[in-house]
Amino acid sequence: VVRQRDERIAINMPVQGTAADMIKIAMIDIYNEFSKKKLKSKMILQVHDELVFDCEKSELETVKKIVHNKMKNAIKMNVPIEVEMGEGINWYEAHA
């Protein structure tokens, strides 16, 4: 049982580690792009592979384009990276 657990951990580590690296790189790139464009919208939370933003309504389309681009291109991969987005006045509505 311990060996099976250890094998599972060893196999999952590169996948989970790469995903963690990807989200951190994307966060830095998104922050830098928001600063460069002097956007008022803010990245407020990261949970696993999800980023949550407090977004000015007038900046919504710009923010969506930046986030989509930076998430897809954080790390060059040989497989497509899917980026899903939701929007709403609260977290629940954004996930509906």
Protein backbone atom coordinates (compact mmCIF):
# COMPACT_ATOMS: atom_id res chain seq x y z
CA VAL A 1 0.00 0.00 0.00
CA VAL A 2 2.83 2.41 0.88
CA ARG A 3 4.65 1.59 -2.35
CA GLN A 4 1.52 2.27 -4.41
CA ARG A 5 1.04 5.60 -2.65
CA ASP A 6 4.67 6.57 -3.22
CA GLU A 7 4.45 5.63 -6.91
CA ARG A 8 1.29 7.72 -7.31
CA ILE A 9 2.98 10.68 -5.60
CA ALA A 10 6.07 10.33 -7.83
CA ILE A 11 3.94 10.26 -10.99
CA ASN A 12 1.71 13.18 -9.94
CA MET A 13 4.49 15.47 -8.73
CA PRO A 14 5.77 16.60 -12.17
CA VAL A 15 2.22 17.26 -13.39
CA GLN A 16 1.15 19.17 -10.29
CA GLY A 17 4.48 20.97 -10.05
CA THR A 18 4.27 22.12 -13.67
CA ALA A 19 0.70 23.34 -13.17
CA ALA A 20 1.79 25.28 -10.07
CA ASP A 21 4.70 26.82 -12.00
CA MET A 22 2.37 27.73 -14.86
CA ILE A 23 -0.14 29.56 -12.65
CA LYS A 24 2.63 31.46 -10.83
CA ILE A 25 4.23 32.58 -14.11
CA ALA A 26 0.82 33.62 -15.46
CA MET A 27 0.12 35.59 -12.27
CA ILE A 28 3.35 37.55 -12.64
CA ASP A 29 2.71 38.19 -16.33
CA ILE A 30 -0.89 39.29 -15.68
CA TYR A 31 0.18 41.61 -12.86
CA ASN A 32 2.87 43.17 -15.06
CA GLU A 33 0.46 43.67 -17.96
CA PHE A 34 -2.19 45.24 -15.69
CA SER A 35 0.48 47.61 -14.33
CA LYS A 36 1.77 48.47 -17.80
CA LYS A 37 -1.75 49.30 -18.99
CA LYS A 38 -2.53 51.10 -15.69
CA LEU A 39 -5.68 49.03 -15.17
CA LYS A 40 -7.72 49.50 -12.01
CA SER A 41 -8.78 45.82 -11.99
CA LYS A 42 -6.96 43.64 -9.46
CA MET A 43 -6.09 39.98 -9.10
CA ILE A 44 -7.37 39.16 -5.62
CA LEU A 45 -7.14 35.40 -5.13
CA GLN A 46 -5.50 32.24 -6.44
CA VAL A 47 -6.91 28.82 -5.54
CA HIS A 48 -5.17 25.83 -7.17
CA ASP A 49 -5.60 26.48 -10.92
CA GLU A 50 -8.06 29.36 -10.56
CA LEU A 51 -7.51 33.11 -10.44
CA VAL A 52 -10.13 35.52 -9.10
CA PHE A 53 -10.22 39.18 -10.11
CA ASP A 54 -12.00 42.30 -8.93
CA CYS A 55 -12.60 43.84 -12.32
CA GLU A 56 -13.74 47.29 -13.36
CA LYS A 57 -16.72 46.82 -15.67
CA SER A 58 -15.17 49.16 -18.27
CA GLU A 59 -12.02 46.98 -18.31
CA LEU A 60 -13.74 43.59 -18.50
CA GLU A 61 -12.94 42.74 -22.12
CA THR A 62 -9.35 43.94 -21.80
CA VAL A 63 -8.87 41.90 -18.62
CA LYS A 64 -10.35 38.78 -20.22
CA LYS A 65 -8.01 39.06 -23.21
CA ILE A 66 -4.94 39.58 -21.02
CA VAL A 67 -5.79 36.72 -18.65
CA HIS A 68 -6.62 34.33 -21.49
CA ASN A 69 -3.38 35.12 -23.33
CA LYS A 70 -1.12 34.98 -20.27
CA MET A 71 -2.66 31.75 -18.96
CA LYS A 72 -2.35 29.98 -22.34
CA ASN A 73 1.22 31.13 -22.90
CA ALA A 74 2.77 31.00 -19.41
CA ILE A 75 4.71 27.85 -20.32
CA LYS A 76 5.18 26.54 -23.85
CA MET A 77 3.52 23.14 -23.98
CA ASN A 78 3.09 20.49 -26.67
CA VAL A 79 -0.56 20.14 -25.70
CA PRO A 80 -3.29 22.77 -25.89
CA ILE A 81 -4.04 24.66 -22.68
CA GLU A 82 -7.72 25.35 -22.10
CA VAL A 83 -8.69 28.53 -20.27
CA GLU A 84 -12.23 28.86 -18.92
CA MET A 85 -13.66 32.10 -17.59
CA GLY A 86 -16.75 33.12 -15.76
CA GLU A 87 -18.00 36.48 -14.67
CA GLY A 88 -20.45 37.70 -12.11
CA ILE A 89 -20.97 40.04 -9.21
CA ASN A 90 -19.76 37.31 -6.83
CA TRP A 91 -17.84 34.02 -6.91
CA TYR A 92 -21.01 31.90 -6.99
CA GLU A 93 -22.45 33.77 -9.97
CA ALA A 94 -19.15 33.56 -11.83
CA HIS A 95 -19.26 29.76 -11.52
CA ALA A 96 -22.91 29.28 -12.47
